[in-house]
C-alpha cells in the first residue's frame, strides 16, 4: 500500500461536477493498493497516518498529529500511485490491485482511519474520474509505502 499525505488548508473532490467530499485544515490522503497487500498493511498505514506529527504546536514546531490537532481527513483512492515507468514512456499499472479487491481495501482502510483517529473521514468515489483541489500547507507532502516501513 502506498499513500501520499498532504497537510492542507482545504481539499475537495468532485465527481461529474458534483462535490462528494470536502475538508478544511487537515490531511488529504491519496491511497493506492498493490497486489499482495493485506489487512496488516491497512492497519499499519492507518495508525501511521493518524499518529504522524506534522501539525504545528503553539511554538510553531511540527509536533501534533491530525488527531491531536482535531483536523479533518479526506481519503481519495488513486491506483496510479503504483505506476511503473521502468520501460518506455507509458506507465504500467500491473502492480496495482485489481479493482474489485481494491474497492474493499479502500472501504476497510477508511473505516480504520476513522477508528484510529476518532474523526470523520471524507472520501472520493472509488473508481470514478475525480477532480481534486487543495491548498497544500507548508508545503508538507509525505510519501509512505507499507512495503518500506520506515
N, C-alpha and C. Protein backbone atom coordinates (compact mmCIF):
# COMPACT_ATOMS: atom_id res chain seq x y z
N UNK A 1 0.85 -1.17 0.00
CA UNK A 1 0.00 0.00 0.00
C UNK A 1 0.89 1.23 0.00
N UNK A 2 0.49 2.18 -0.79
CA UNK A 2 1.27 3.41 -0.91
C UNK A 2 0.32 4.59 -0.73
N UNK A 3 0.78 5.60 0.04
CA UNK A 3 -0.03 6.81 0.22
C UNK A 3 0.83 8.05 0.01
N UNK A 4 0.17 9.09 -0.42
CA UNK A 4 0.75 10.43 -0.42
C UNK A 4 -0.13 11.23 0.53
N UNK A 5 0.50 11.81 1.53
CA UNK A 5 -0.21 12.59 2.53
C UNK A 5 0.17 14.04 2.33
N UNK A 6 -0.83 14.90 2.25
CA UNK A 6 -0.58 16.32 2.13
C UNK A 6 -1.29 17.04 3.27
N UNK A 7 -0.53 17.88 3.99
CA UNK A 7 -1.14 18.74 5.00
C UNK A 7 -1.77 19.90 4.25
N UNK A 8 -3.08 20.09 4.45
CA UNK A 8 -3.80 21.06 3.64
C UNK A 8 -4.57 22.06 4.49
N UNK A 9 -4.79 23.23 3.91
CA UNK A 9 -5.71 24.21 4.49
C UNK A 9 -7.13 23.88 4.09
N UNK A 10 -7.28 23.27 2.91
CA UNK A 10 -8.56 22.75 2.46
C UNK A 10 -8.31 21.76 1.33
N UNK A 11 -9.25 20.89 1.13
CA UNK A 11 -9.22 19.97 -0.02
C UNK A 11 -10.65 19.58 -0.34
N UNK A 12 -10.87 19.31 -1.61
CA UNK A 12 -12.21 18.91 -2.06
C UNK A 12 -12.08 17.97 -3.24
N UNK A 13 -13.07 17.12 -3.40
CA UNK A 13 -13.09 16.20 -4.53
C UNK A 13 -14.47 16.25 -5.16
N UNK A 14 -14.47 16.34 -6.51
CA UNK A 14 -15.71 16.40 -7.27
C UNK A 14 -15.76 15.22 -8.25
N UNK A 15 -16.96 14.74 -8.49
CA UNK A 15 -17.22 13.72 -9.49
C UNK A 15 -18.38 14.23 -10.34
N UNK A 16 -18.14 14.33 -11.64
CA UNK A 16 -19.14 14.83 -12.58
C UNK A 16 -19.72 16.17 -12.12
N UNK A 17 -18.83 17.08 -11.75
CA UNK A 17 -19.17 18.44 -11.30
C UNK A 17 -20.03 18.46 -10.04
N UNK A 18 -19.98 17.39 -9.26
CA UNK A 18 -20.73 17.32 -8.00
C UNK A 18 -19.73 17.12 -6.87
N UNK A 19 -19.82 17.97 -5.85
CA UNK A 19 -18.94 17.86 -4.69
C UNK A 19 -19.30 16.59 -3.92
N UNK A 20 -18.28 15.72 -3.70
CA UNK A 20 -18.54 14.49 -2.96
C UNK A 20 -17.79 14.42 -1.64
N UNK A 21 -16.76 15.24 -1.47
CA UNK A 21 -16.01 15.28 -0.23
C UNK A 21 -15.25 16.58 -0.11
N UNK A 22 -15.23 17.13 1.11
CA UNK A 22 -14.55 18.40 1.32
C UNK A 22 -14.11 18.50 2.77
N UNK A 23 -12.90 19.02 2.99
CA UNK A 23 -12.41 19.25 4.34
C UNK A 23 -11.77 20.63 4.44
N UNK A 24 -11.63 21.09 5.68
CA UNK A 24 -10.83 22.27 5.97
C UNK A 24 -9.43 21.82 6.33
N UNK A 25 -8.85 22.40 7.35
CA UNK A 25 -7.48 22.08 7.75
C UNK A 25 -7.39 20.60 8.15
N UNK A 26 -6.43 19.92 7.55
CA UNK A 26 -6.26 18.50 7.86
C UNK A 26 -5.36 17.80 6.88
N UNK A 27 -5.69 16.55 6.58
CA UNK A 27 -4.87 15.70 5.72
C UNK A 27 -5.65 15.26 4.49
N UNK A 28 -5.05 15.44 3.33
CA UNK A 28 -5.52 14.79 2.10
C UNK A 28 -4.67 13.55 1.95
N UNK A 29 -5.31 12.39 1.90
CA UNK A 29 -4.61 11.12 1.79
C UNK A 29 -4.97 10.49 0.45
N UNK A 30 -4.00 10.43 -0.45
CA UNK A 30 -4.15 9.73 -1.73
C UNK A 30 -3.64 8.32 -1.49
N UNK A 31 -4.47 7.31 -1.73
CA UNK A 31 -4.07 5.95 -1.37
C UNK A 31 -4.22 4.99 -2.54
N UNK A 32 -3.21 4.14 -2.69
CA UNK A 32 -3.21 3.13 -3.73
C UNK A 32 -2.87 1.78 -3.14
N UNK A 33 -3.53 0.75 -3.63
CA UNK A 33 -3.35 -0.60 -3.11
C UNK A 33 -2.66 -1.46 -4.16
N UNK A 34 -1.78 -2.32 -3.68
CA UNK A 34 -0.94 -3.14 -4.54
C UNK A 34 -1.27 -4.61 -4.35
N UNK A 35 -1.16 -5.39 -5.42
CA UNK A 35 -1.33 -6.83 -5.29
C UNK A 35 -0.45 -7.33 -4.15
N UNK A 36 -0.99 -8.15 -3.29
CA UNK A 36 -0.24 -8.69 -2.17
C UNK A 36 -0.44 -7.92 -0.88
N UNK A 37 -1.08 -6.76 -0.92
CA UNK A 37 -1.37 -6.03 0.31
C UNK A 37 -2.33 -6.86 1.17
N UNK A 38 -2.22 -6.68 2.48
CA UNK A 38 -3.06 -7.43 3.42
C UNK A 38 -3.70 -6.46 4.41
N UNK A 39 -4.57 -6.98 5.25
CA UNK A 39 -5.17 -6.16 6.30
C UNK A 39 -4.11 -5.59 7.23
N UNK A 40 -3.02 -6.30 7.38
CA UNK A 40 -1.91 -5.79 8.20
C UNK A 40 -1.36 -4.48 7.62
N UNK A 41 -1.27 -4.38 6.30
CA UNK A 41 -0.82 -3.15 5.66
C UNK A 41 -1.79 -2.01 5.96
N UNK A 42 -3.08 -2.31 5.88
CA UNK A 42 -4.10 -1.29 6.14
C UNK A 42 -4.01 -0.79 7.58
N UNK A 43 -3.90 -1.72 8.52
CA UNK A 43 -3.84 -1.35 9.94
C UNK A 43 -2.60 -0.53 10.23
N UNK A 44 -1.45 -0.98 9.72
CA UNK A 44 -0.20 -0.25 9.96
C UNK A 44 -0.29 1.16 9.38
N UNK A 45 -0.79 1.26 8.15
CA UNK A 45 -0.84 2.56 7.47
C UNK A 45 -1.80 3.51 8.16
N UNK A 46 -2.98 3.03 8.53
CA UNK A 46 -3.94 3.90 9.21
C UNK A 46 -3.35 4.44 10.51
N UNK A 47 -2.71 3.57 11.29
CA UNK A 47 -2.08 4.01 12.53
C UNK A 47 -0.97 5.01 12.30
N UNK A 48 -0.16 4.75 11.29
CA UNK A 48 0.95 5.65 10.97
C UNK A 48 0.44 7.03 10.59
N UNK A 49 -0.58 7.09 9.74
CA UNK A 49 -1.12 8.37 9.28
C UNK A 49 -1.70 9.15 10.46
N UNK A 50 -2.48 8.50 11.27
CA UNK A 50 -3.16 9.17 12.38
C UNK A 50 -2.17 9.69 13.42
N UNK A 51 -1.06 8.99 13.61
CA UNK A 51 -0.07 9.40 14.61
C UNK A 51 1.02 10.32 14.06
N UNK A 52 1.04 10.53 12.75
CA UNK A 52 2.07 11.35 12.11
C UNK A 52 1.99 12.79 12.62
N UNK A 53 3.07 13.25 13.22
CA UNK A 53 3.08 14.58 13.86
C UNK A 53 3.59 15.63 12.86
N UNK A 54 2.65 16.21 12.10
CA UNK A 54 3.03 17.18 11.07
C UNK A 54 2.25 18.49 11.17
N UNK A 55 1.54 18.69 12.30
CA UNK A 55 0.86 19.96 12.53
C UNK A 55 1.60 20.73 13.62
N UNK A 56 1.63 22.03 13.47
CA UNK A 56 2.39 22.87 14.39
C UNK A 56 1.72 22.97 15.76
N UNK A 57 2.56 22.93 16.79
CA UNK A 57 2.08 23.20 18.14
C UNK A 57 2.13 24.71 18.39
N UNK A 58 1.92 25.14 19.62
CA UNK A 58 1.90 26.57 19.94
C UNK A 58 3.25 27.25 19.72
N UNK A 59 4.32 26.46 19.65
CA UNK A 59 5.66 27.00 19.43
C UNK A 59 6.07 26.96 17.96
N UNK A 60 5.15 26.58 17.09
CA UNK A 60 5.45 26.53 15.66
C UNK A 60 6.27 25.31 15.25
N UNK A 61 6.28 24.28 16.09
CA UNK A 61 7.04 23.06 15.80
C UNK A 61 6.05 21.97 15.37
N UNK A 62 6.39 21.25 14.32
CA UNK A 62 5.53 20.14 13.88
C UNK A 62 5.57 19.05 14.93
N UNK A 63 4.58 19.07 15.81
CA UNK A 63 4.59 18.18 16.96
C UNK A 63 3.22 17.58 17.25
N UNK A 64 2.21 17.90 16.42
CA UNK A 64 0.86 17.42 16.66
C UNK A 64 0.38 16.54 15.50
N UNK A 65 -0.37 15.51 15.84
CA UNK A 65 -0.98 14.66 14.82
C UNK A 65 -2.33 15.25 14.43
N UNK A 66 -2.93 14.72 13.38
CA UNK A 66 -4.26 15.17 12.97
C UNK A 66 -5.26 14.92 14.09
N UNK A 67 -5.08 13.85 14.83
CA UNK A 67 -5.96 13.54 15.96
C UNK A 67 -5.76 14.55 17.08
N UNK A 68 -4.48 14.86 17.41
CA UNK A 68 -4.18 15.85 18.46
C UNK A 68 -4.74 17.21 18.09
N UNK A 69 -4.60 17.55 16.83
CA UNK A 69 -4.98 18.86 16.31
C UNK A 69 -6.48 19.00 16.12
N UNK A 70 -7.16 17.86 15.94
CA UNK A 70 -8.59 17.89 15.67
C UNK A 70 -8.90 18.31 14.25
N UNK A 71 -7.99 17.96 13.33
CA UNK A 71 -8.16 18.31 11.92
C UNK A 71 -9.14 17.37 11.23
N UNK A 72 -9.16 17.43 9.93
CA UNK A 72 -10.06 16.61 9.14
C UNK A 72 -9.25 15.74 8.19
N UNK A 73 -9.88 14.69 7.66
CA UNK A 73 -9.22 13.76 6.74
C UNK A 73 -10.09 13.56 5.51
N UNK A 74 -9.45 13.68 4.34
CA UNK A 74 -10.10 13.35 3.06
C UNK A 74 -9.26 12.26 2.40
N UNK A 75 -9.86 11.12 2.14
CA UNK A 75 -9.18 9.97 1.55
C UNK A 75 -9.67 9.78 0.12
N UNK A 76 -8.71 9.70 -0.81
CA UNK A 76 -9.04 9.55 -2.23
C UNK A 76 -8.24 8.37 -2.79
N UNK A 77 -8.93 7.41 -3.40
CA UNK A 77 -8.24 6.27 -3.99
C UNK A 77 -7.54 6.71 -5.27
N UNK A 78 -6.33 6.14 -5.49
CA UNK A 78 -5.55 6.53 -6.66
C UNK A 78 -4.63 5.39 -7.06
N UNK A 79 -5.11 4.54 -7.98
CA UNK A 79 -4.33 3.37 -8.40
C UNK A 79 -3.03 3.78 -9.08
N UNK A 80 -2.96 4.99 -9.63
CA UNK A 80 -1.76 5.41 -10.36
C UNK A 80 -0.54 5.56 -9.45
N UNK A 81 -0.73 5.47 -8.13
CA UNK A 81 0.42 5.52 -7.22
C UNK A 81 1.34 4.32 -7.43
N UNK A 82 0.83 3.28 -8.07
CA UNK A 82 1.65 2.09 -8.33
C UNK A 82 2.11 2.00 -9.79
N UNK A 83 2.17 3.13 -10.44
CA UNK A 83 2.64 3.17 -11.83
C UNK A 83 4.11 2.78 -11.90
N UNK A 84 4.44 2.01 -12.89
CA UNK A 84 5.83 1.68 -13.18
C UNK A 84 6.21 2.37 -14.49
N UNK A 85 7.30 3.10 -14.46
CA UNK A 85 7.79 3.79 -15.66
C UNK A 85 9.13 3.22 -16.10
N UNK A 86 9.42 1.99 -15.66
CA UNK A 86 10.70 1.36 -15.95
C UNK A 86 10.94 1.18 -17.45
N UNK A 87 9.90 0.77 -18.17
CA UNK A 87 10.04 0.53 -19.61
C UNK A 87 9.26 1.59 -20.38
N UNK A 88 9.91 2.27 -21.25
CA UNK A 88 9.24 3.22 -22.13
C UNK A 88 8.68 4.43 -21.42
N UNK A 89 7.72 5.05 -22.07
CA UNK A 89 7.15 6.29 -21.55
C UNK A 89 5.69 6.16 -21.14
N UNK A 90 5.10 5.02 -21.39
CA UNK A 90 3.72 4.81 -20.99
C UNK A 90 3.71 4.01 -19.69
N UNK A 91 3.18 4.57 -18.61
CA UNK A 91 3.19 3.86 -17.33
C UNK A 91 2.42 2.56 -17.38
N UNK A 92 2.92 1.59 -16.64
CA UNK A 92 2.23 0.32 -16.47
C UNK A 92 1.65 0.28 -15.06
N UNK A 93 0.44 -0.24 -14.93
CA UNK A 93 -0.22 -0.33 -13.63
C UNK A 93 -0.42 -1.77 -13.20
N UNK A 94 0.44 -2.65 -13.68
CA UNK A 94 0.29 -4.07 -13.43
C UNK A 94 0.41 -4.42 -11.94
N UNK A 95 1.12 -3.59 -11.17
CA UNK A 95 1.29 -3.86 -9.74
C UNK A 95 0.08 -3.41 -8.92
N UNK A 96 -0.78 -2.57 -9.49
CA UNK A 96 -1.96 -2.10 -8.76
C UNK A 96 -2.91 -3.27 -8.53
N UNK A 97 -3.55 -3.26 -7.36
CA UNK A 97 -4.51 -4.31 -7.01
C UNK A 97 -5.70 -4.26 -7.96
N UNK A 98 -6.27 -5.42 -8.28
CA UNK A 98 -7.43 -5.44 -9.16
C UNK A 98 -8.56 -4.63 -8.50
N UNK A 99 -9.35 -3.95 -9.31
CA UNK A 99 -10.34 -3.00 -8.78
C UNK A 99 -11.35 -3.60 -7.81
N UNK A 100 -11.78 -4.83 -8.03
CA UNK A 100 -12.77 -5.44 -7.13
C UNK A 100 -12.20 -5.58 -5.73
N UNK A 101 -10.98 -6.10 -5.63
CA UNK A 101 -10.34 -6.23 -4.32
C UNK A 101 -9.99 -4.86 -3.74
N UNK A 102 -9.49 -3.97 -4.58
CA UNK A 102 -9.06 -2.66 -4.10
C UNK A 102 -10.21 -1.86 -3.50
N UNK A 103 -11.40 -2.00 -4.06
CA UNK A 103 -12.55 -1.26 -3.51
C UNK A 103 -12.84 -1.70 -2.07
N UNK A 104 -12.75 -2.99 -1.82
CA UNK A 104 -12.92 -3.49 -0.45
C UNK A 104 -11.84 -2.99 0.48
N UNK A 105 -10.60 -2.97 0.00
CA UNK A 105 -9.49 -2.46 0.80
C UNK A 105 -9.69 -0.98 1.12
N UNK A 106 -10.15 -0.23 0.14
CA UNK A 106 -10.39 1.21 0.33
C UNK A 106 -11.44 1.45 1.42
N UNK A 107 -12.50 0.71 1.39
CA UNK A 107 -13.53 0.83 2.42
C UNK A 107 -13.00 0.49 3.80
N UNK A 108 -12.27 -0.63 3.91
CA UNK A 108 -11.71 -1.03 5.21
C UNK A 108 -10.68 -0.02 5.70
N UNK A 109 -9.86 0.49 4.79
CA UNK A 109 -8.85 1.48 5.16
C UNK A 109 -9.52 2.74 5.73
N UNK A 110 -10.57 3.21 5.09
CA UNK A 110 -11.25 4.41 5.57
C UNK A 110 -11.89 4.18 6.93
N UNK A 111 -12.46 2.99 7.16
CA UNK A 111 -13.02 2.68 8.48
C UNK A 111 -11.92 2.65 9.54
N UNK A 112 -10.76 2.09 9.20
CA UNK A 112 -9.65 2.06 10.15
C UNK A 112 -9.14 3.47 10.45
N UNK A 113 -9.05 4.32 9.42
CA UNK A 113 -8.65 5.71 9.65
C UNK A 113 -9.61 6.39 10.63
N UNK A 114 -10.90 6.15 10.46
CA UNK A 114 -11.89 6.77 11.33
C UNK A 114 -11.78 6.22 12.75
N UNK A 115 -11.61 4.91 12.88
CA UNK A 115 -11.48 4.29 14.20
C UNK A 115 -10.24 4.80 14.92
N UNK A 116 -9.11 4.83 14.21
CA UNK A 116 -7.84 5.25 14.82
C UNK A 116 -7.85 6.72 15.23
N UNK A 117 -8.47 7.55 14.40
CA UNK A 117 -8.41 9.00 14.63
C UNK A 117 -9.56 9.51 15.49
N UNK A 118 -10.70 8.83 15.45
CA UNK A 118 -11.89 9.34 16.11
C UNK A 118 -12.50 10.51 15.35
N UNK A 119 -12.03 10.72 14.12
CA UNK A 119 -12.51 11.82 13.27
C UNK A 119 -13.30 11.25 12.10
N UNK A 120 -14.28 12.01 11.61
CA UNK A 120 -14.95 11.55 10.39
C UNK A 120 -13.98 11.58 9.22
N UNK A 121 -14.09 10.62 8.33
CA UNK A 121 -13.22 10.56 7.16
C UNK A 121 -14.09 10.78 5.93
N UNK A 122 -13.80 11.84 5.22
CA UNK A 122 -14.50 12.13 3.97
C UNK A 122 -13.78 11.35 2.86
N UNK A 123 -14.49 11.03 1.79
CA UNK A 123 -13.89 10.23 0.73
C UNK A 123 -14.31 10.73 -0.65
N UNK A 124 -13.55 10.26 -1.62
CA UNK A 124 -13.95 10.38 -3.00
C UNK A 124 -14.84 9.18 -3.32
N UNK A 125 -15.04 8.90 -4.60
CA UNK A 125 -15.82 7.73 -5.02
C UNK A 125 -14.87 6.78 -5.73
N UNK A 126 -14.74 5.59 -5.20
CA UNK A 126 -13.81 4.62 -5.75
C UNK A 126 -14.11 4.37 -7.22
N UNK A 127 -13.09 4.40 -8.05
CA UNK A 127 -13.19 4.07 -9.46
C UNK A 127 -13.73 5.18 -10.35
N UNK A 128 -14.15 6.27 -9.74
CA UNK A 128 -14.70 7.38 -10.53
C UNK A 128 -13.58 8.28 -11.03
N UNK A 129 -13.85 9.01 -12.10
CA UNK A 129 -12.94 10.06 -12.54
C UNK A 129 -13.20 11.24 -11.63
N UNK A 130 -12.19 11.65 -10.87
CA UNK A 130 -12.36 12.68 -9.85
C UNK A 130 -11.49 13.89 -10.15
N UNK A 131 -11.97 15.02 -9.72
CA UNK A 131 -11.19 16.25 -9.73
C UNK A 131 -10.92 16.62 -8.28
N UNK A 132 -9.63 16.74 -7.96
CA UNK A 132 -9.22 17.04 -6.59
C UNK A 132 -8.58 18.41 -6.57
N UNK A 133 -9.06 19.27 -5.67
CA UNK A 133 -8.48 20.59 -5.49
C UNK A 133 -8.01 20.70 -4.05
N UNK A 134 -6.89 21.38 -3.85
CA UNK A 134 -6.35 21.51 -2.50
C UNK A 134 -5.44 22.71 -2.40
N UNK A 135 -5.22 23.12 -1.17
CA UNK A 135 -4.19 24.10 -0.87
C UNK A 135 -3.25 23.43 0.11
N UNK A 136 -2.07 23.05 -0.36
CA UNK A 136 -1.07 22.39 0.47
C UNK A 136 -0.50 23.42 1.42
N UNK A 137 -0.43 23.07 2.70
CA UNK A 137 0.06 23.97 3.74
C UNK A 137 1.50 23.63 4.06
N UNK A 138 2.40 24.52 3.77
CA UNK A 138 3.81 24.32 4.09
C UNK A 138 4.74 24.63 2.94
N UNK A 139 4.81 23.85 1.93
CA UNK A 139 4.05 22.62 1.69
C UNK A 139 4.60 21.45 2.49
N UNK A 140 3.70 20.62 2.95
CA UNK A 140 4.07 19.37 3.62
C UNK A 140 3.45 18.24 2.83
N UNK A 141 4.30 17.41 2.22
CA UNK A 141 3.86 16.26 1.44
C UNK A 141 4.77 15.09 1.81
N UNK A 142 4.15 13.97 2.20
CA UNK A 142 4.90 12.81 2.67
C UNK A 142 4.41 11.57 1.93
N UNK A 143 5.35 10.75 1.47
CA UNK A 143 5.03 9.50 0.79
C UNK A 143 5.38 8.35 1.73
N UNK A 144 4.43 7.43 1.90
CA UNK A 144 4.67 6.27 2.77
C UNK A 144 4.26 5.02 2.00
N UNK A 145 5.10 3.99 2.08
CA UNK A 145 4.83 2.71 1.43
C UNK A 145 4.90 1.62 2.50
N UNK A 146 3.85 0.83 2.60
CA UNK A 146 3.82 -0.22 3.64
C UNK A 146 4.84 -1.32 3.39
N UNK A 147 5.41 -1.37 2.19
CA UNK A 147 6.45 -2.36 1.89
C UNK A 147 7.83 -1.88 2.33
N UNK A 148 7.89 -0.59 2.69
CA UNK A 148 9.16 0.01 3.13
C UNK A 148 8.87 0.79 4.41
N UNK A 149 8.61 0.05 5.47
CA UNK A 149 8.18 0.66 6.74
C UNK A 149 9.36 1.33 7.44
N UNK A 150 9.35 2.64 7.34
CA UNK A 150 10.43 3.43 7.95
C UNK A 150 9.97 4.05 9.25
